[in-house]
PDB file of N, CA and C in Angstrom:
ATOM      1  N   MET A   1     -17.912  10.460  12.567  1.00  0.00           N
ATOM      2  CA  MET A   1     -18.392  11.229  11.381  1.00  0.00           C
ATOM      3  C   MET A   1     -19.602  12.155  11.694  1.00  0.00           C
ATOM      4  N   PHE A   2     -20.492  11.667  12.514  1.00  0.00           N
ATOM      5  CA  PHE A   2     -21.709  12.418  12.854  1.00  0.00           C
ATOM      6  C   PHE A   2     -21.424  13.574  13.845  1.00  0.00           C
ATOM      7  N   GLU A   3     -20.406  13.490  14.624  1.00  0.00           N
ATOM      8  CA  GLU A   3     -19.999  14.531  15.471  1.00  0.00           C
ATOM      9  C   GLU A   3     -19.437  15.705  14.657  1.00  0.00           C
ATOM     10  N   ILE A   4     -18.814  15.453  13.553  1.00  0.00           N
ATOM     11  CA  ILE A   4     -18.322  16.554  12.705  1.00  0.00           C
ATOM     12  C   ILE A   4     -19.531  17.239  12.018  1.00  0.00           C
ATOM     13  N   LEU A   5     -20.498  16.518  11.653  1.00  0.00           N
ATOM     14  CA  LEU A   5     -21.711  17.134  11.053  1.00  0.00           C
ATOM     15  C   LEU A   5     -22.519  17.895  12.060  1.00  0.00           C
ATOM     16  N   ASN A   6     -22.461  17.542  13.362  1.00  0.00           N
ATOM     17  CA  ASN A   6     -23.173  18.252  14.413  1.00  0.00           C
ATOM     18  C   ASN A   6     -22.320  19.394  14.947  1.00  0.00           C
ATOM     19  N   ASN A   7     -21.232  19.663  14.381  1.00  0.00           N
ATOM     20  CA  ASN A   7     -20.373  20.752  14.875  1.00  0.00           C
ATOM     21  C   ASN A   7     -21.053  22.133  14.532  1.00  0.00           C
ATOM     22  N   PRO A   8     -20.954  23.011  15.567  1.00  0.00           N
ATOM     23  CA  PRO A   8     -21.595  24.392  15.252  1.00  0.00           C
ATOM     24  C   PRO A   8     -20.786  25.195  14.132  1.00  0.00           C
ATOM     25  N   MET A   9     -19.647  24.737  13.803  1.00  0.00           N
ATOM     26  CA  MET A   9     -18.840  25.426  12.815  1.00  0.00           C
ATOM     27  C   MET A   9     -19.087  24.975  11.366  1.00  0.00           C
ATOM     28  N   ILE A  10     -20.052  24.126  11.256  1.00  0.00           N
ATOM     29  CA  ILE A  10     -20.357  23.567   9.869  1.00  0.00           C
ATOM     30  C   ILE A  10     -20.825  24.613   8.931  1.00  0.00           C
ATOM     31  N   THR A  11     -21.557  25.643   9.393  1.00  0.00           N
ATOM     32  CA  THR A  11     -22.086  26.707   8.415  1.00  0.00           C
ATOM     33  C   THR A  11     -20.890  27.553   7.960  1.00  0.00           C
ATOM     34  N   PRO A  12     -19.953  28.061   8.869  1.00  0.00           N
ATOM     35  CA  PRO A  12     -18.851  28.757   8.240  1.00  0.00           C
ATOM     36  C   PRO A  12     -17.972  27.861   7.348  1.00  0.00           C
ATOM     37  N   ALA A  13     -17.836  26.558   7.655  1.00  0.00           N
ATOM     38  CA  ALA A  13     -17.075  25.693   6.842  1.00  0.00           C
ATOM     39  C   ALA A  13     -17.697  25.567   5.470  1.00  0.00           C
ATOM     40  N   LEU A  14     -19.041  25.387   5.448  1.00  0.00           N
ATOM     41  CA  LEU A  14     -19.641  25.365   4.142  1.00  0.00           C
ATOM     42  C   LEU A  14     -19.614  26.668   3.318  1.00  0.00           C
ATOM     43  N   ILE A  15     -19.644  27.800   3.989  1.00  0.00           N
ATOM     44  CA  ILE A  15     -19.395  29.040   3.284  1.00  0.00           C
ATOM     45  C   ILE A  15     -18.026  29.106   2.773  1.00  0.00           C
ATOM     46  N   MET A  16     -17.011  28.724   3.539  1.00  0.00           N
ATOM     47  CA  MET A  16     -15.642  28.756   3.033  1.00  0.00           C
ATOM     48  C   MET A  16     -15.440  27.758   1.875  1.00  0.00           C
ATOM     49  N   LEU A  17     -16.123  26.585   1.977  1.00  0.00           N
ATOM     50  CA  LEU A  17     -16.069  25.637   0.846  1.00  0.00           C
ATOM     51  C   LEU A  17     -16.652  26.231  -0.467  1.00  0.00           C
ATOM     52  N   GLY A  18     -17.816  27.019  -0.233  1.00  0.00           N
ATOM     53  CA  GLY A  18     -18.312  27.603  -1.454  1.00  0.00           C
ATOM     54  C   GLY A  18     -17.393  28.654  -2.078  1.00  0.00           C
ATOM     55  N   PHE A  19     -16.832  29.494  -1.221  1.00  0.00           N
ATOM     56  CA  PHE A  19     -15.832  30.422  -1.722  1.00  0.00           C
ATOM     57  C   PHE A  19     -14.652  29.689  -2.407  1.00  0.00           C
ATOM     58  N   THR A  20     -14.179  28.641  -1.771  1.00  0.00           N
ATOM     59  CA  THR A  20     -13.012  27.920  -2.382  1.00  0.00           C
ATOM     60  C   THR A  20     -13.435  27.367  -3.720  1.00  0.00           C
ATOM     61  N   ILE A  21     -14.625  26.785  -3.887  1.00  0.00           N
ATOM     62  CA  ILE A  21     -15.035  26.160  -5.176  1.00  0.00           C
ATOM     63  C   ILE A  21     -15.110  27.359  -6.183  1.00  0.00           C
ATOM     64  N   ALA A  22     -15.636  28.504  -5.780  1.00  0.00           N
ATOM     65  CA  ALA A  22     -15.820  29.634  -6.733  1.00  0.00           C
ATOM     66  C   ALA A  22     -14.555  30.171  -7.194  1.00  0.00           C
ATOM     67  N   PHE A  23     -13.614  30.415  -6.236  1.00  0.00           N
ATOM     68  CA  PHE A  23     -12.215  31.015  -6.626  1.00  0.00           C
ATOM     69  C   PHE A  23     -11.491  29.994  -7.404  1.00  0.00           C
ATOM     70  N   ALA A  24     -11.498  28.715  -7.077  1.00  0.00           N
ATOM     71  CA  ALA A  24     -10.670  27.739  -7.727  1.00  0.00           C
ATOM     72  C   ALA A  24     -11.146  27.546  -9.125  1.00  0.00           C
ATOM     73  N   SER A  25     -12.472  27.532  -9.330  1.00  0.00           N
ATOM     74  CA  SER A  25     -12.997  27.375 -10.673  1.00  0.00           C
ATOM     75  C   SER A  25     -12.862  28.632 -11.541  1.00  0.00           C
ATOM     76  N   ALA A  26     -12.723  29.790 -10.825  1.00  0.00           N
ATOM     77  CA  ALA A  26     -12.483  31.038 -11.608  1.00  0.00           C
ATOM     78  C   ALA A  26     -11.126  31.018 -12.319  1.00  0.00           C
ATOM     79  N   PHE A  27     -10.153  30.279 -11.670  1.00  0.00           N
ATOM     80  CA  PHE A  27      -8.812  30.156 -12.340  1.00  0.00           C
ATOM     81  C   PHE A  27      -8.774  29.344 -13.616  1.00  0.00           C
ATOM     82  N   TYR A  28      -9.823  28.459 -13.759  1.00  0.00           N
ATOM     83  CA  TYR A  28      -9.845  27.654 -15.022  1.00  0.00           C
ATOM     84  C   TYR A  28     -10.556  28.430 -16.177  1.00  0.00           C
ATOM     85  N   TRP A  29     -11.246  29.430 -15.819  1.00  0.00           N
ATOM     86  CA  TRP A  29     -12.020  30.170 -16.860  1.00  0.00           C
ATOM     87  C   TRP A  29     -11.102  30.760 -17.963  1.00  0.00           C
ATOM     88  N   PRO A  30      -9.915  31.356 -17.633  1.00  0.00           N
ATOM     89  CA  PRO A  30      -9.095  31.878 -18.735  1.00  0.00           C
ATOM     90  C   PRO A  30      -8.563  30.832 -19.647  1.00  0.00           C
ATOM     91  N   ALA A  31      -8.256  29.644 -19.085  1.00  0.00           N
ATOM     92  CA  ALA A  31      -7.746  28.606 -19.928  1.00  0.00           C
ATOM     93  C   ALA A  31      -8.750  28.011 -20.892  1.00  0.00           C
ATOM     94  N   VAL A  32     -10.044  28.044 -20.425  1.00  0.00           N
ATOM     95  CA  VAL A  32     -11.039  27.500 -21.335  1.00  0.00           C
ATOM     96  C   VAL A  32     -11.594  28.564 -22.232  1.00  0.00           C
ATOM     97  N   ARG A  33     -11.681  29.854 -21.795  1.00  0.00           N
ATOM     98  CA  ARG A  33     -12.300  30.879 -22.545  1.00  0.00           C
ATOM     99  C   ARG A  33     -11.255  31.456 -23.597  1.00  0.00           C
ATOM    100  N   PHE A  34     -10.049  31.407 -23.355  1.00  0.00           N
ATOM    101  CA  PHE A  34      -9.006  32.020 -24.286  1.00  0.00           C
ATOM    102  C   PHE A  34      -7.961  31.017 -24.628  1.00  0.00           C
ATOM    103  N   PRO A  35      -8.348  29.978 -25.407  1.00  0.00           N
ATOM    104  CA  PRO A  35      -7.302  28.963 -25.780  1.00  0.00           C
ATOM    105  C   PRO A  35      -6.259  29.589 -26.769  1.00  0.00           C
ATOM    106  N   ARG A  36      -5.079  29.104 -26.734  1.00  0.00           N
ATOM    107  CA  ARG A  36      -4.054  29.550 -27.680  1.00  0.00           C
ATOM    108  C   ARG A  36      -4.017  28.704 -28.940  1.00  0.00           C
ATOM    109  N   LYS A  37      -3.456  29.231 -29.999  1.00  0.00           N
ATOM    110  CA  LYS A  37      -3.472  28.605 -31.260  1.00  0.00           C
ATOM    111  C   LYS A  37      -2.520  27.442 -31.356  1.00  0.00           C
ATOM    112  N   GLY A  38      -1.324  27.594 -30.861  1.00  0.00           N
ATOM    113  CA  GLY A  38      -0.296  26.499 -30.907  1.00  0.00           C
ATOM    114  C   GLY A  38      -0.569  25.506 -29.834  1.00  0.00           C
ATOM    115  N   LYS A  39      -0.206  24.221 -30.067  1.00  0.00           N
ATOM    116  CA  LYS A  39      -0.414  23.215 -29.140  1.00  0.00           C
ATOM    117  C   LYS A  39       0.496  23.352 -27.873  1.00  0.00           C
ATOM    118  N   VAL A  40       1.725  23.636 -28.157  1.00  0.00           N
ATOM    119  CA  VAL A  40       2.675  23.827 -27.046  1.00  0.00           C
ATOM    120  C   VAL A  40       2.271  25.004 -26.142  1.00  0.00           C
ATOM    121  N   LEU A  41       1.988  26.130 -26.808  1.00  0.00           N
ATOM    122  CA  LEU A  41       1.627  27.342 -25.994  1.00  0.00           C
ATOM    123  C   LEU A  41       0.307  27.101 -25.249  1.00  0.00           C
ATOM    124  N   ASN A  42      -0.614  26.411 -25.915  1.00  0.00           N
ATOM    125  CA  ASN A  42      -1.895  26.141 -25.244  1.00  0.00           C
ATOM    126  C   ASN A  42      -1.696  25.204 -24.075  1.00  0.00           C
ATOM    127  N   PHE A  43      -0.790  24.209 -24.191  1.00  0.00           N
ATOM    128  CA  PHE A  43      -0.538  23.356 -23.067  1.00  0.00           C
ATOM    129  C   PHE A  43       0.023  24.128 -21.857  1.00  0.00           C
ATOM    130  N   TYR A  44       0.957  24.994 -22.083  1.00  0.00           N
ATOM    131  CA  TYR A  44       1.502  25.788 -21.005  1.00  0.00           C
ATOM    132  C   TYR A  44       0.506  26.844 -20.445  1.00  0.00           C
ATOM    133  N   TRP A  45      -0.295  27.422 -21.311  1.00  0.00           N
ATOM    134  CA  TRP A  45      -1.338  28.331 -20.881  1.00  0.00           C
ATOM    135  C   TRP A  45      -2.344  27.643 -20.041  1.00  0.00           C
ATOM    136  N   SER A  46      -2.803  26.554 -20.462  1.00  0.00           N
ATOM    137  CA  SER A  46      -3.829  25.750 -19.595  1.00  0.00           C
ATOM    138  C   SER A  46      -3.159  25.177 -18.335  1.00  0.00           C
ATOM    139  N   GLY A  47      -1.924  24.827 -18.376  1.00  0.00           N
ATOM    140  CA  GLY A  47      -1.188  24.287 -17.234  1.00  0.00           C
ATOM    141  C   GLY A  47      -0.937  25.381 -16.159  1.00  0.00           C
ATOM    142  N   PHE A  48      -0.616  26.599 -16.623  1.00  0.00           N
ATOM    143  CA  PHE A  48      -0.478  27.705 -15.722  1.00  0.00           C
ATOM    144  C   PHE A  48      -1.706  27.960 -14.965  1.00  0.00           C
ATOM    145  N   TRP A  49      -2.872  28.082 -15.635  1.00  0.00           N
ATOM    146  CA  TRP A  49      -4.154  28.348 -14.935  1.00  0.00           C
ATOM    147  C   TRP A  49      -4.559  27.132 -14.089  1.00  0.00           C
ATOM    148  N   ALA A  50      -4.301  25.914 -14.541  1.00  0.00           N
ATOM    149  CA  ALA A  50      -4.705  24.721 -13.737  1.00  0.00           C
ATOM    150  C   ALA A  50      -3.820  24.611 -12.466  1.00  0.00           C
ATOM    151  N   TYR A  51      -2.516  25.024 -12.537  1.00  0.00           N
ATOM    152  CA  TYR A  51      -1.764  25.074 -11.327  1.00  0.00           C
ATOM    153  C   TYR A  51      -2.270  26.046 -10.298  1.00  0.00           C
ATOM    154  N   LEU A  52      -2.640  27.182 -10.847  1.00  0.00           N
ATOM    155  CA  LEU A  52      -3.167  28.224  -9.889  1.00  0.00           C
ATOM    156  C   LEU A  52      -4.445  27.783  -9.278  1.00  0.00           C
ATOM    157  N   GLY A  53      -5.346  27.126 -10.040  1.00  0.00           N
ATOM    158  CA  GLY A  53      -6.558  26.539  -9.574  1.00  0.00           C
ATOM    159  C   GLY A  53      -6.352  25.473  -8.514  1.00  0.00           C
ATOM    160  N   ILE A  54      -5.343  24.594  -8.666  1.00  0.00           N
ATOM    161  CA  ILE A  54      -5.024  23.527  -7.764  1.00  0.00           C
ATOM    162  C   ILE A  54      -4.427  24.136  -6.518  1.00  0.00           C
ATOM    163  N   ILE A  55      -3.591  25.088  -6.574  1.00  0.00           N
ATOM    164  CA  ILE A  55      -3.029  25.757  -5.381  1.00  0.00           C
ATOM    165  C   ILE A  55      -4.132  26.353  -4.608  1.00  0.00           C
ATOM    166  N   THR A  56      -5.089  27.103  -5.244  1.00  0.00           N
ATOM    167  CA  THR A  56      -6.222  27.755  -4.567  1.00  0.00           C
ATOM    168  C   THR A  56      -7.113  26.719  -3.918  1.00  0.00           C
ATOM    169  N   ALA A  57      -7.346  25.670  -4.650  1.00  0.00           N
ATOM    170  CA  ALA A  57      -8.262  24.635  -4.033  1.00  0.00           C
ATOM    171  C   ALA A  57      -7.643  23.934  -2.822  1.00  0.00           C
ATOM    172  N   THR A  58      -6.351  23.683  -2.937  1.00  0.00           N
ATOM    173  CA  THR A  58      -5.649  23.155  -1.765  1.00  0.00           C
ATOM    174  C   THR A  58      -5.594  24.024  -0.511  1.00  0.00           C
ATOM    175  N   ALA A  59      -5.328  25.256  -0.776  1.00  0.00           N
ATOM    176  CA  ALA A  59      -5.329  26.297   0.358  1.00  0.00           C
ATOM    177  C   ALA A  59      -6.707  26.469   0.935  1.00  0.00           C
ATOM    178  N   GLY A  60      -7.726  26.484   0.071  1.00  0.00           N
ATOM    179  CA  GLY A  60      -9.084  26.646   0.533  1.00  0.00           C
ATOM    180  C   GLY A  60      -9.532  25.401   1.332  1.00  0.00           C
ATOM    181  N   ALA A  61      -9.089  24.210   0.814  1.00  0.00           N
ATOM    182  CA  ALA A  61      -9.466  22.933   1.608  1.00  0.00           C
ATOM    183  C   ALA A  61      -8.837  22.896   2.942  1.00  0.00           C
ATOM    184  N   GLN A  62      -7.575  23.352   3.024  1.00  0.00           N
ATOM    185  CA  GLN A  62      -6.909  23.405   4.370  1.00  0.00           C
ATOM    186  C   GLN A  62      -7.703  24.318   5.316  1.00  0.00           C
ATOM    187  N   VAL A  63      -8.128  25.539   4.874  1.00  0.00           N
ATOM    188  CA  VAL A  63      -8.812  26.404   5.748  1.00  0.00           C
ATOM    189  C   VAL A  63     -10.205  25.819   6.088  1.00  0.00           C
ATOM    190  N   THR A  64     -10.865  25.285   5.143  1.00  0.00           N
ATOM    191  CA  THR A  64     -12.201  24.622   5.369  1.00  0.00           C
ATOM    192  C   THR A  64     -12.128  23.625   6.402  1.00  0.00           C
ATOM    193  N   VAL A  65     -11.190  22.688   6.267  1.00  0.00           N
ATOM    194  CA  VAL A  65     -11.136  21.634   7.298  1.00  0.00           C
ATOM    195  C   VAL A  65     -10.637  22.163   8.619  1.00  0.00           C
ATOM    196  N   SER A  66      -9.791  23.113   8.637  1.00  0.00           N
ATOM    197  CA  SER A  66      -9.361  23.805   9.848  1.00  0.00           C
ATOM    198  C   SER A  66     -10.468  24.454  10.653  1.00  0.00           C
ATOM    199  N   ILE A  67     -11.391  25.001   9.876  1.00  0.00           N
ATOM    200  CA  ILE A  67     -12.589  25.643  10.518  1.00  0.00           C
ATOM    201  C   ILE A  67     -13.377  24.641  11.277  1.00  0.00           C
ATOM    202  N   VAL A  68     -13.505  23.465  10.737  1.00  0.00           N
ATOM    203  CA  VAL A  68     -14.298  22.352  11.399  1.00  0.00           C
ATOM    204  C   VAL A  68     -13.603  21.896  12.724  1.00  0.00           C
ATOM    205  N   GLY A  69     -12.267  22.073  12.809  1.00  0.00           N
ATOM    206  CA  GLY A  69     -11.489  21.771  14.015  1.00  0.00           C
ATOM    207  C   GLY A  69     -10.564  20.604  13.795  1.00  0.00           C
ATOM    208  N   MET A  70     -10.324  20.127  12.630  1.00  0.00           N
ATOM    209  CA  MET A  70      -9.340  19.087  12.395  1.00  0.00           C
ATOM    210  C   MET A  70      -7.929  19.639  12.316  1.00  0.00           C
ATOM    211  N   GLN A  71      -6.959  18.857  12.696  1.00  0.00           N
ATOM    212  CA  GLN A  71      -5.551  19.275  12.649  1.00  0.00           C
ATOM    213  C   GLN A  71      -4.979  18.814  11.290  1.00  0.00           C
ATOM    214  N   VAL A  72      -4.798  19.736  10.360  1.00  0.00           N
ATOM    215  CA  VAL A  72      -4.355  19.410   9.070  1.00  0.00           C
ATOM    216  C   VAL A  72      -3.127  20.241   8.607  1.00  0.00           C
ATOM    217  N   GLU A  73      -2.604  21.116   9.482  1.00  0.00           N
ATOM    218  CA  GLU A  73      -1.663  22.059   9.065  1.00  0.00           C
ATOM    219  C   GLU A  73      -0.386  21.414   8.496  1.00  0.00           C
ATOM    220  N   THR A  74       0.162  20.380   9.187  1.00  0.00           N
ATOM    221  CA  THR A  74       1.435  19.851   8.824  1.00  0.00           C
ATOM    222  C   THR A  74       1.374  19.249   7.384  1.00  0.00           C
ATOM    223  N   PHE A  75       0.428  18.437   7.209  1.00  0.00           N
ATOM    224  CA  PHE A  75       0.251  17.746   5.844  1.00  0.00           C
ATOM    225  C   PHE A  75      -0.082  18.756   4.776  1.00  0.00           C
ATOM    226  N   SER A  76      -1.067  19.655   5.017  1.00  0.00           N
ATOM    227  CA  SER A  76      -1.429  20.566   3.924  1.00  0.00           C
ATOM    228  C   SER A  76      -0.404  21.577   3.700  1.00  0.00           C
ATOM    229  N   ASN A  77       0.368  21.967   4.723  1.00  0.00           N
ATOM    230  CA  ASN A  77       1.488  22.860   4.395  1.00  0.00           C
ATOM    231  C   ASN A  77       2.510  22.231   3.571  1.00  0.00           C
ATOM    232  N   ALA A  78       2.841  20.997   3.740  1.00  0.00           N
ATOM    233  CA  ALA A  78       3.781  20.261   2.943  1.00  0.00           C
ATOM    234  C   ALA A  78       3.273  20.168   1.509  1.00  0.00           C
ATOM    235  N   VAL A  79       1.961  19.905   1.384  1.00  0.00           N
ATOM    236  CA  VAL A  79       1.382  19.800   0.003  1.00  0.00           C
ATOM    237  C   VAL A  79       1.444  21.161  -0.746  1.00  0.00           C
ATOM    238  N   LEU A  80       1.067  22.233  -0.004  1.00  0.00           N
ATOM    239  CA  LEU A  80       1.175  23.559  -0.547  1.00  0.00           C
ATOM    240  C   LEU A  80       2.556  23.947  -0.968  1.00  0.00           C
ATOM    241  N   ASN A  81       3.499  23.643  -0.124  1.00  0.00           N
ATOM    242  CA  ASN A  81       4.926  23.922  -0.436  1.00  0.00           C
ATOM    243  C   ASN A  81       5.378  23.175  -1.700  1.00  0.00           C
ATOM    244  N   ALA A  82       4.971  21.875  -1.773  1.00  0.00           N
ATOM    245  CA  ALA A  82       5.328  21.154  -2.961  1.00  0.00           C
ATOM    246  C   ALA A  82       4.725  21.624  -4.205  1.00  0.00           C
ATOM    247  N   LEU A  83       3.422  22.077  -4.072  1.00  0.00           N
ATOM    248  CA  LEU A  83       2.780  22.576  -5.263  1.00  0.00           C
ATOM    249  C   LEU A  83       3.279  23.910  -5.677  1.00  0.00           C
ATOM    250  N   THR A  84       3.736  24.703  -4.775  1.00  0.00           N
ATOM    251  CA  THR A  84       4.301  26.053  -5.070  1.00  0.00           C
ATOM    252  C   THR A  84       5.661  25.813  -5.789  1.00  0.00           C
ATOM    253  N   VAL A  85       6.417  24.905  -5.241  1.00  0.00           N
ATOM    254  CA  VAL A  85       7.788  24.673  -5.910  1.00  0.00           C
ATOM    255  C   VAL A  85       7.632  24.118  -7.300  1.00  0.00           C
ATOM    256  N   THR A  86       6.736  23.119  -7.465  1.00  0.00           N
ATOM    257  CA  THR A  86       6.518  22.567  -8.762  1.00  0.00           C
ATOM    258  C   THR A  86       5.929  23.601  -9.733  1.00  0.00           C
ATOM    259  N   PHE A  87       5.088  24.508  -9.215  1.00  0.00           N
ATOM    260  CA  PHE A  87       4.482  25.611 -10.048  1.00  0.00           C
ATOM    261  C   PHE A  87       5.583  26.434 -10.605  1.00  0.00           C
ATOM    262  N   VAL A  88       6.512  26.843  -9.758  1.00  0.00           N
ATOM    263  CA  VAL A  88       7.633  27.649 -10.246  1.00  0.00           C
ATOM    264  C   VAL A  88       8.451  26.968 -11.245  1.00  0.00           C
ATOM    265  N   MET A  89       8.714  25.671 -10.957  1.00  0.00           N
ATOM    266  CA  MET A  89       9.516  24.872 -11.901  1.00  0.00           C
ATOM    267  C   MET A  89       8.861  24.793 -13.248  1.00  0.00           C
ATOM    268  N   PHE A  90       7.557  24.590 -13.244  1.00  0.00           N
ATOM    269  CA  PHE A  90       6.741  24.483 -14.485  1.00  0.00           C
ATOM    270  C   PHE A  90       6.721  25.773 -15.214  1.00  0.00           C
ATOM    271  N   VAL A  91       6.643  26.939 -14.552  1.00  0.00           N
ATOM    272  CA  VAL A  91       6.678  28.240 -15.243  1.00  0.00           C
ATOM    273  C   VAL A  91       8.113  28.503 -15.782  1.00  0.00           C
ATOM    274  N   VAL A  92       9.142  28.232 -15.077  1.00  0.00           N
ATOM    275  CA  VAL A  92      10.421  28.449 -15.554  1.00  0.00           C
ATOM    276  C   VAL A  92      10.760  27.564 -16.741  1.00  0.00           C
ATOM    277  N   PHE A  93      10.429  26.328 -16.618  1.00  0.00           N
ATOM    278  CA  PHE A  93      10.687  25.363 -17.829  1.00  0.00           C
ATOM    279  C   PHE A  93       9.849  25.775 -19.004  1.00  0.00           C
ATOM    280  N   ALA A  94       8.604  26.218 -18.785  1.00  0.00           N
ATOM    281  CA  ALA A  94       7.849  26.667 -19.891  1.00  0.00           C
ATOM    282  C   ALA A  94       8.393  27.920 -20.560  1.00  0.00           C
ATOM    283  N   TRP A  95       8.840  28.798 -19.705  1.00  0.00           N
ATOM    284  CA  TRP A  95       9.431  30.036 -20.317  1.00  0.00           C
ATOM    285  C   TRP A  95      10.698  29.682 -21.119  1.00  0.00           C
ATOM    286  N   CYS A  96      11.589  28.856 -20.547  1.00  0.00           N
ATOM    287  CA  CYS A  96      12.783  28.473 -21.225  1.00  0.00           C
ATOM    288  C   CYS A  96      12.457  27.711 -22.597  1.00  0.00           C
ATOM    289  N   ARG A  97      11.547  26.822 -22.498  1.00  0.00           N
ATOM    290  CA  ARG A  97      11.253  26.086 -23.700  1.00  0.00           C
ATOM    291  C   ARG A  97      10.641  27.020 -24.799  1.00  0.00           C
ATOM    292  N   LEU A  98       9.708  27.880 -24.468  1.00  0.00           N
ATOM    293  CA  LEU A  98       9.135  28.718 -25.412  1.00  0.00           C
ATOM    294  C   LEU A  98      10.141  29.776 -25.912  1.00  0.00           C
ATOM    295  N   ALA A  99      11.042  30.235 -25.088  1.00  0.00           N
ATOM    296  CA  ALA A  99      12.079  31.138 -25.492  1.00  0.00           C
ATOM    297  C   ALA A  99      13.025  30.474 -26.501  1.00  0.00           C
ATOM    298  N   PHE A 100      13.409  29.226 -26.232  1.00  0.00           N
ATOM    299  CA  PHE A 100      14.241  28.525 -27.226  1.00  0.00           C
ATOM    300  C   PHE A 100      13.553  28.163 -28.520  1.00  0.00           C
ATOM    301  N   LEU A 101      12.235  27.796 -28.402  1.00  0.00           N
ATOM    302  CA  LEU A 101      11.433  27.614 -29.635  1.00  0.00           C
ATOM    303  C   LEU A 101      11.368  28.885 -30.499  1.00  0.00           C
ATOM    304  N   GLY A 102      11.222  30.005 -29.811  1.00  0.00           N
ATOM    305  CA  GLY A 102      11.251  31.336 -30.452  1.00  0.00           C
ATOM    306  C   GLY A 102      12.463  31.647 -31.160  1.00  0.00           C
ATOM    307  N   LEU A 103      13.645  31.354 -30.419  1.00  0.00           N
ATOM    308  CA  LEU A 103      14.959  31.620 -30.932  1.00  0.00           C
ATOM    309  C   LEU A 103      15.218  30.713 -32.172  1.00  0.00           C
ATOM    310  N   HIS A 104      14.806  29.439 -32.043  1.00  0.00           N
ATOM    311  CA  HIS A 104      14.985  28.498 -33.124  1.00  0.00           C
ATOM    312  C   HIS A 104      14.216  28.941 -34.348  1.00  0.00           C
ATOM    313  N   HIS A 105      12.922  29.359 -34.133  1.00  0.00           N
ATOM    314  CA  HIS A 105      12.078  29.863 -35.273  1.00  0.00           C
ATOM    315  C   HIS A 105      12.752  31.143 -35.941  1.00  0.00           C
ATOM    316  N   VAL A 106      13.290  32.050 -35.167  1.00  0.00           N
ATOM    317  CA  VAL A 106      13.961  33.170 -35.695  1.00  0.00           C
ATOM    318  C   VAL A 106      15.272  32.669 -36.507  1.00  0.00           C
ATOM    319  N   ALA A 107      16.037  31.833 -35.924  1.00  0.00           N
ATOM    320  CA  ALA A 107      17.184  31.340 -36.587  1.00  0.00           C
ATOM    321  C   ALA A 107      16.887  30.632 -38.045  1.00  0.00           C
ATOM    322  N   VAL A 108      15.776  29.872 -37.929  1.00  0.00           N
ATOM    323  CA  VAL A 108      15.408  29.189 -39.176  1.00  0.00           C
ATOM    324  C   VAL A 108      14.941  30.180 -40.199  1.00  0.00           C
ATOM    325  N   LYS A 109      14.228  31.233 -39.742  1.00  0.00           N
ATOM    326  CA  LYS A 109      13.759  32.299 -40.770  1.00  0.00           C
ATOM    327  C   LYS A 109      15.007  33.081 -41.285  1.00  0.00           C
ATOM    328  N   ALA A 110      15.988  33.335 -40.424  1.00  0.00           N
ATOM    329  CA  ALA A 110      17.158  34.128 -40.872  1.00  0.00           C
ATOM    330  C   ALA A 110      17.954  33.394 -41.870  1.00  0.00           C
ATOM    331  N   THR A 111      18.073  32.038 -41.712  1.00  0.00           N
ATOM    332  CA  THR A 111      18.870  31.254 -42.716  1.00  0.00           C
ATOM    333  C   THR A 111      18.069  30.968 -43.961  1.00  0.00           C
ATOM    334  N   ALA A 112      16.782  31.178 -43.962  1.00  0.00           N
ATOM    335  CA  ALA A 112      15.980  30.812 -45.185  1.00  0.00           C
ATOM    336  C   ALA A 112      15.911  31.913 -46.224  1.00  0.00           C
TER     337      ALA A 112
END
């Protein structure tokens, strides 16, 4: 543990960690600042930005730990691939669900 802290690459790693924290937290800002009125839409809106924040944090963590000299590429690439695939699935499911809710709402209004 102490040999990692005595590493000459600790300063660039801390700088990268700071940038990672700043960028990952910036993705949460739209979800908190601009909440949506409907519960379902707000869930998907917040989930979209949370996924982007998590993907950014994971990628930044991979680079930060790599700067120090640890071998993390295999595991972190697998995690990033899984997060990216689940993000796409989340967005597609959200789009389909919201589109069908909109069609249902239009159909109910047309019959009323």
